[in-house]
């Protein structure tokens, strides 16, 4: 069994990116890659949503690269409503942008 390291993943991504940009894939192959990436993203969203509970502390990067910390108010299919700790209005955030903080 092999384990992947971050360095190995970066190198693999570089190779894949170079192959895509170099035009080494057909249109059908690119469509398959796109569908695979979309599926992986939706799976990550579902995992994140399942891991969250109302009242959990989370953080995300908002507009203008501002890090926002807040509490989960509502969990929807793909988005989560987060009430910021500073009392500003709630944000509707895609679940894959959230990082759960230790309680």
N, C-alpha and C. Protein backbone atom coordinates (compact mmCIF):
# COMPACT_ATOMS: atom_id res chain seq x y z
N UNK A 1 0.84 -1.18 0.00
CA UNK A 1 0.00 0.00 0.00
C UNK A 1 0.88 1.24 0.00
N UNK A 2 0.62 2.13 -0.89
CA UNK A 2 1.42 3.35 -0.96
C UNK A 2 0.63 4.50 -0.36
N UNK A 3 1.34 5.38 0.28
CA UNK A 3 0.70 6.58 0.81
C UNK A 3 1.16 7.75 -0.03
N UNK A 4 0.24 8.67 -0.24
CA UNK A 4 0.60 9.84 -1.03
C UNK A 4 1.00 10.98 -0.11
N UNK A 5 2.01 11.67 -0.52
CA UNK A 5 2.47 12.82 0.24
C UNK A 5 2.03 14.08 -0.49
N UNK A 6 1.95 15.20 0.22
CA UNK A 6 1.58 16.44 -0.47
C UNK A 6 2.48 16.77 -1.65
N UNK A 7 3.77 16.47 -1.54
CA UNK A 7 4.70 16.77 -2.62
C UNK A 7 4.36 15.91 -3.84
N UNK A 8 4.08 14.63 -3.62
CA UNK A 8 3.72 13.75 -4.72
C UNK A 8 2.42 14.21 -5.38
N UNK A 9 1.46 14.67 -4.59
CA UNK A 9 0.20 15.16 -5.14
C UNK A 9 0.42 16.40 -5.99
N UNK A 10 1.28 17.30 -5.53
CA UNK A 10 1.56 18.51 -6.29
C UNK A 10 2.22 18.16 -7.61
N UNK A 11 3.17 17.24 -7.59
CA UNK A 11 3.83 16.83 -8.83
C UNK A 11 2.84 16.19 -9.78
N UNK A 12 1.95 15.35 -9.28
CA UNK A 12 0.94 14.72 -10.13
C UNK A 12 0.02 15.77 -10.73
N UNK A 13 -0.36 16.76 -9.94
CA UNK A 13 -1.22 17.84 -10.45
C UNK A 13 -0.50 18.64 -11.53
N UNK A 14 0.78 18.88 -11.34
CA UNK A 14 1.55 19.59 -12.35
C UNK A 14 1.58 18.82 -13.67
N UNK A 15 1.76 17.51 -13.57
CA UNK A 15 1.79 16.67 -14.78
C UNK A 15 0.43 16.71 -15.48
N UNK A 16 -0.65 16.56 -14.71
CA UNK A 16 -1.99 16.59 -15.29
C UNK A 16 -2.28 17.95 -15.93
N UNK A 17 -1.98 19.02 -15.21
CA UNK A 17 -2.20 20.37 -15.76
C UNK A 17 -1.41 20.59 -17.04
N UNK A 18 -0.16 20.14 -17.06
CA UNK A 18 0.66 20.31 -18.26
C UNK A 18 0.08 19.51 -19.43
N UNK A 19 -0.42 18.31 -19.14
CA UNK A 19 -1.01 17.49 -20.20
C UNK A 19 -2.28 18.13 -20.75
N UNK A 20 -3.10 18.68 -19.87
CA UNK A 20 -4.33 19.35 -20.32
C UNK A 20 -3.99 20.58 -21.15
N UNK A 21 -3.08 21.40 -20.65
CA UNK A 21 -2.72 22.62 -21.36
C UNK A 21 -1.97 22.31 -22.66
N UNK A 22 -1.28 21.19 -22.69
CA UNK A 22 -0.54 20.81 -23.89
C UNK A 22 -1.41 20.22 -24.98
N UNK A 23 -2.71 20.08 -24.69
CA UNK A 23 -3.63 19.57 -25.70
C UNK A 23 -3.51 18.08 -25.95
N UNK A 24 -3.15 17.32 -24.93
CA UNK A 24 -2.94 15.89 -25.11
C UNK A 24 -4.21 15.07 -24.90
N UNK A 25 -5.35 15.73 -24.62
CA UNK A 25 -6.59 15.03 -24.39
C UNK A 25 -7.61 15.38 -25.47
N UNK A 26 -8.47 14.41 -25.78
CA UNK A 26 -9.57 14.68 -26.70
C UNK A 26 -10.69 15.39 -25.95
N UNK A 27 -11.67 15.88 -26.68
CA UNK A 27 -12.79 16.56 -26.06
C UNK A 27 -13.55 15.60 -25.13
N UNK A 28 -13.75 14.37 -25.54
CA UNK A 28 -14.44 13.39 -24.70
C UNK A 28 -13.67 13.12 -23.42
N UNK A 29 -12.35 13.02 -23.52
CA UNK A 29 -11.54 12.80 -22.33
C UNK A 29 -11.62 13.99 -21.38
N UNK A 30 -11.59 15.21 -21.94
CA UNK A 30 -11.72 16.40 -21.09
C UNK A 30 -13.08 16.44 -20.41
N UNK A 31 -14.15 16.07 -21.13
CA UNK A 31 -15.48 16.03 -20.53
C UNK A 31 -15.53 15.03 -19.37
N UNK A 32 -14.86 13.90 -19.54
CA UNK A 32 -14.81 12.90 -18.47
C UNK A 32 -14.06 13.45 -17.25
N UNK A 33 -12.97 14.15 -17.49
CA UNK A 33 -12.21 14.76 -16.39
C UNK A 33 -13.09 15.78 -15.67
N UNK A 34 -13.80 16.61 -16.41
CA UNK A 34 -14.66 17.62 -15.81
C UNK A 34 -15.75 16.97 -14.96
N UNK A 35 -16.38 15.92 -15.48
CA UNK A 35 -17.42 15.23 -14.73
C UNK A 35 -16.87 14.61 -13.45
N UNK A 36 -15.66 14.08 -13.53
CA UNK A 36 -15.03 13.49 -12.36
C UNK A 36 -14.75 14.54 -11.29
N UNK A 37 -14.25 15.69 -11.70
CA UNK A 37 -13.97 16.77 -10.76
C UNK A 37 -15.27 17.28 -10.14
N UNK A 38 -16.33 17.44 -10.94
CA UNK A 38 -17.62 17.88 -10.41
C UNK A 38 -18.17 16.89 -9.40
N UNK A 39 -18.03 15.60 -9.68
CA UNK A 39 -18.49 14.58 -8.75
C UNK A 39 -17.70 14.65 -7.44
N UNK A 40 -16.38 14.79 -7.55
CA UNK A 40 -15.54 14.87 -6.35
C UNK A 40 -15.91 16.09 -5.51
N UNK A 41 -16.18 17.22 -6.15
CA UNK A 41 -16.59 18.42 -5.41
C UNK A 41 -17.92 18.22 -4.71
N UNK A 42 -18.88 17.60 -5.38
CA UNK A 42 -20.18 17.38 -4.75
C UNK A 42 -20.05 16.41 -3.58
N UNK A 43 -19.16 15.43 -3.70
CA UNK A 43 -18.92 14.50 -2.59
C UNK A 43 -18.32 15.22 -1.40
N UNK A 44 -17.39 16.14 -1.65
CA UNK A 44 -16.81 16.93 -0.56
C UNK A 44 -17.86 17.78 0.13
N UNK A 45 -18.78 18.36 -0.64
CA UNK A 45 -19.85 19.18 -0.06
C UNK A 45 -20.72 18.30 0.84
N UNK A 46 -21.10 17.12 0.36
CA UNK A 46 -21.94 16.23 1.17
C UNK A 46 -21.23 15.82 2.46
N UNK A 47 -19.93 15.53 2.38
CA UNK A 47 -19.17 15.16 3.57
C UNK A 47 -19.15 16.30 4.58
N UNK A 48 -18.94 17.52 4.08
CA UNK A 48 -18.88 18.69 4.95
C UNK A 48 -20.23 18.92 5.62
N UNK A 49 -21.30 18.84 4.83
CA UNK A 49 -22.64 19.07 5.38
C UNK A 49 -22.96 18.02 6.44
N UNK A 50 -22.60 16.77 6.20
CA UNK A 50 -22.87 15.71 7.19
C UNK A 50 -22.07 15.93 8.47
N UNK A 51 -20.90 16.54 8.37
CA UNK A 51 -20.04 16.73 9.54
C UNK A 51 -20.46 17.93 10.39
N UNK A 52 -21.31 18.82 9.83
CA UNK A 52 -21.70 20.02 10.56
C UNK A 52 -23.00 19.84 11.33
N UNK A 53 -23.10 20.54 12.44
CA UNK A 53 -24.33 20.61 13.22
C UNK A 53 -24.63 22.08 13.49
N UNK A 54 -25.90 22.37 13.71
CA UNK A 54 -26.27 23.74 14.07
C UNK A 54 -25.59 24.07 15.39
N UNK A 55 -24.98 25.26 15.45
CA UNK A 55 -24.24 25.69 16.63
C UNK A 55 -22.74 25.48 16.54
N UNK A 56 -22.28 24.75 15.52
CA UNK A 56 -20.83 24.54 15.34
C UNK A 56 -20.15 25.86 14.98
N UNK A 57 -18.93 26.03 15.47
CA UNK A 57 -18.12 27.18 15.09
C UNK A 57 -17.38 26.85 13.81
N UNK A 58 -17.43 27.76 12.85
CA UNK A 58 -16.78 27.56 11.56
C UNK A 58 -16.07 28.84 11.13
N UNK A 59 -15.23 28.71 10.12
CA UNK A 59 -14.61 29.90 9.52
C UNK A 59 -14.58 29.71 8.02
N UNK A 60 -14.51 30.82 7.31
CA UNK A 60 -14.39 30.80 5.85
C UNK A 60 -13.78 32.11 5.42
N UNK A 61 -13.31 32.16 4.19
CA UNK A 61 -12.76 33.39 3.63
C UNK A 61 -13.85 34.07 2.83
N UNK A 62 -14.21 35.28 3.26
CA UNK A 62 -15.28 36.03 2.62
C UNK A 62 -14.75 36.98 1.57
N UNK A 63 -15.56 37.97 1.28
CA UNK A 63 -15.17 38.96 0.28
C UNK A 63 -13.91 39.70 0.71
N UNK A 64 -13.13 40.07 -0.29
CA UNK A 64 -11.87 40.80 -0.07
C UNK A 64 -10.92 40.04 0.85
N UNK A 65 -10.95 38.70 0.76
CA UNK A 65 -10.07 37.82 1.53
C UNK A 65 -10.18 38.01 3.04
N UNK A 66 -11.34 38.41 3.50
CA UNK A 66 -11.57 38.58 4.93
C UNK A 66 -11.95 37.23 5.53
N UNK A 67 -11.24 36.80 6.57
CA UNK A 67 -11.57 35.56 7.25
C UNK A 67 -12.71 35.83 8.22
N UNK A 68 -13.81 35.10 8.04
CA UNK A 68 -15.01 35.29 8.85
C UNK A 68 -15.18 34.06 9.74
N UNK A 69 -15.35 34.29 11.02
CA UNK A 69 -15.61 33.23 11.98
C UNK A 69 -17.03 33.39 12.48
N UNK A 70 -17.75 32.29 12.59
CA UNK A 70 -19.12 32.39 13.05
C UNK A 70 -19.68 31.06 13.48
N UNK A 71 -21.02 31.05 13.67
CA UNK A 71 -21.73 29.88 14.16
C UNK A 71 -22.74 29.44 13.11
N UNK A 72 -22.85 28.14 12.90
CA UNK A 72 -23.81 27.58 11.94
C UNK A 72 -25.23 27.79 12.47
N UNK A 73 -26.07 28.45 11.66
CA UNK A 73 -27.47 28.67 12.02
C UNK A 73 -28.41 27.72 11.30
N UNK A 74 -28.11 27.41 10.04
CA UNK A 74 -28.99 26.58 9.24
C UNK A 74 -28.15 25.80 8.24
N UNK A 75 -28.52 24.54 8.04
CA UNK A 75 -27.81 23.68 7.10
C UNK A 75 -28.77 23.31 5.98
N UNK A 76 -28.39 23.65 4.75
CA UNK A 76 -29.19 23.34 3.58
C UNK A 76 -28.47 22.26 2.76
N UNK A 77 -28.95 21.97 1.58
CA UNK A 77 -28.37 20.89 0.79
C UNK A 77 -26.92 21.19 0.42
N UNK A 78 -26.65 22.36 -0.12
CA UNK A 78 -25.29 22.71 -0.55
C UNK A 78 -24.71 23.90 0.19
N UNK A 79 -25.55 24.68 0.85
CA UNK A 79 -25.11 25.90 1.52
C UNK A 79 -25.40 25.83 3.01
N UNK A 80 -24.70 26.66 3.75
CA UNK A 80 -24.87 26.75 5.20
C UNK A 80 -24.99 28.22 5.56
N UNK A 81 -25.95 28.55 6.43
CA UNK A 81 -26.10 29.92 6.90
C UNK A 81 -25.23 30.07 8.14
N UNK A 82 -24.32 31.03 8.10
CA UNK A 82 -23.37 31.26 9.19
C UNK A 82 -23.59 32.66 9.75
N UNK A 83 -23.78 32.75 11.06
CA UNK A 83 -23.91 34.04 11.75
C UNK A 83 -22.53 34.41 12.27
N UNK A 84 -21.92 35.50 11.73
CA UNK A 84 -20.59 35.90 12.16
C UNK A 84 -20.53 36.29 13.64
N UNK A 85 -19.39 36.05 14.24
CA UNK A 85 -19.19 36.35 15.66
C UNK A 85 -19.26 37.84 15.95
N UNK A 86 -18.97 38.69 14.94
CA UNK A 86 -18.97 40.13 15.17
C UNK A 86 -20.38 40.74 15.12
N UNK A 87 -21.40 39.91 14.91
CA UNK A 87 -22.77 40.41 14.92
C UNK A 87 -23.26 40.94 13.59
N UNK A 88 -22.45 40.89 12.55
CA UNK A 88 -22.87 41.36 11.24
C UNK A 88 -23.91 40.39 10.66
N UNK A 89 -24.58 40.77 9.58
CA UNK A 89 -25.62 39.90 9.02
C UNK A 89 -25.08 38.52 8.63
N UNK A 90 -25.97 37.54 8.63
CA UNK A 90 -25.60 36.16 8.32
C UNK A 90 -25.16 36.02 6.87
N UNK A 91 -24.31 35.05 6.62
CA UNK A 91 -23.82 34.74 5.29
C UNK A 91 -24.38 33.39 4.86
N UNK A 92 -24.74 33.24 3.59
CA UNK A 92 -25.06 31.94 3.00
C UNK A 92 -23.80 31.50 2.28
N UNK A 93 -23.18 30.43 2.81
CA UNK A 93 -21.86 30.02 2.35
C UNK A 93 -21.93 28.61 1.76
N UNK A 94 -21.29 28.38 0.61
CA UNK A 94 -21.19 27.01 0.11
C UNK A 94 -20.45 26.14 1.13
N UNK A 95 -20.94 24.95 1.37
CA UNK A 95 -20.38 24.10 2.43
C UNK A 95 -18.90 23.80 2.21
N UNK A 96 -18.47 23.70 0.97
CA UNK A 96 -17.06 23.35 0.73
C UNK A 96 -16.10 24.49 1.08
N UNK A 97 -16.62 25.67 1.37
CA UNK A 97 -15.76 26.79 1.77
C UNK A 97 -15.56 26.87 3.28
N UNK A 98 -16.28 26.04 4.03
CA UNK A 98 -16.23 26.11 5.49
C UNK A 98 -15.17 25.21 6.08
N UNK A 99 -14.59 25.69 7.17
CA UNK A 99 -13.68 24.90 7.98
C UNK A 99 -14.22 24.87 9.39
N UNK A 100 -14.46 23.69 9.91
CA UNK A 100 -15.00 23.54 11.27
C UNK A 100 -13.89 23.81 12.28
N UNK A 101 -14.22 24.61 13.28
CA UNK A 101 -13.25 24.95 14.32
C UNK A 101 -13.48 24.09 15.55
N UNK A 102 -12.44 23.89 16.32
CA UNK A 102 -12.56 23.12 17.56
C UNK A 102 -13.49 23.86 18.50
N UNK A 103 -14.28 23.10 19.22
CA UNK A 103 -15.28 23.69 20.12
C UNK A 103 -14.71 24.40 21.28
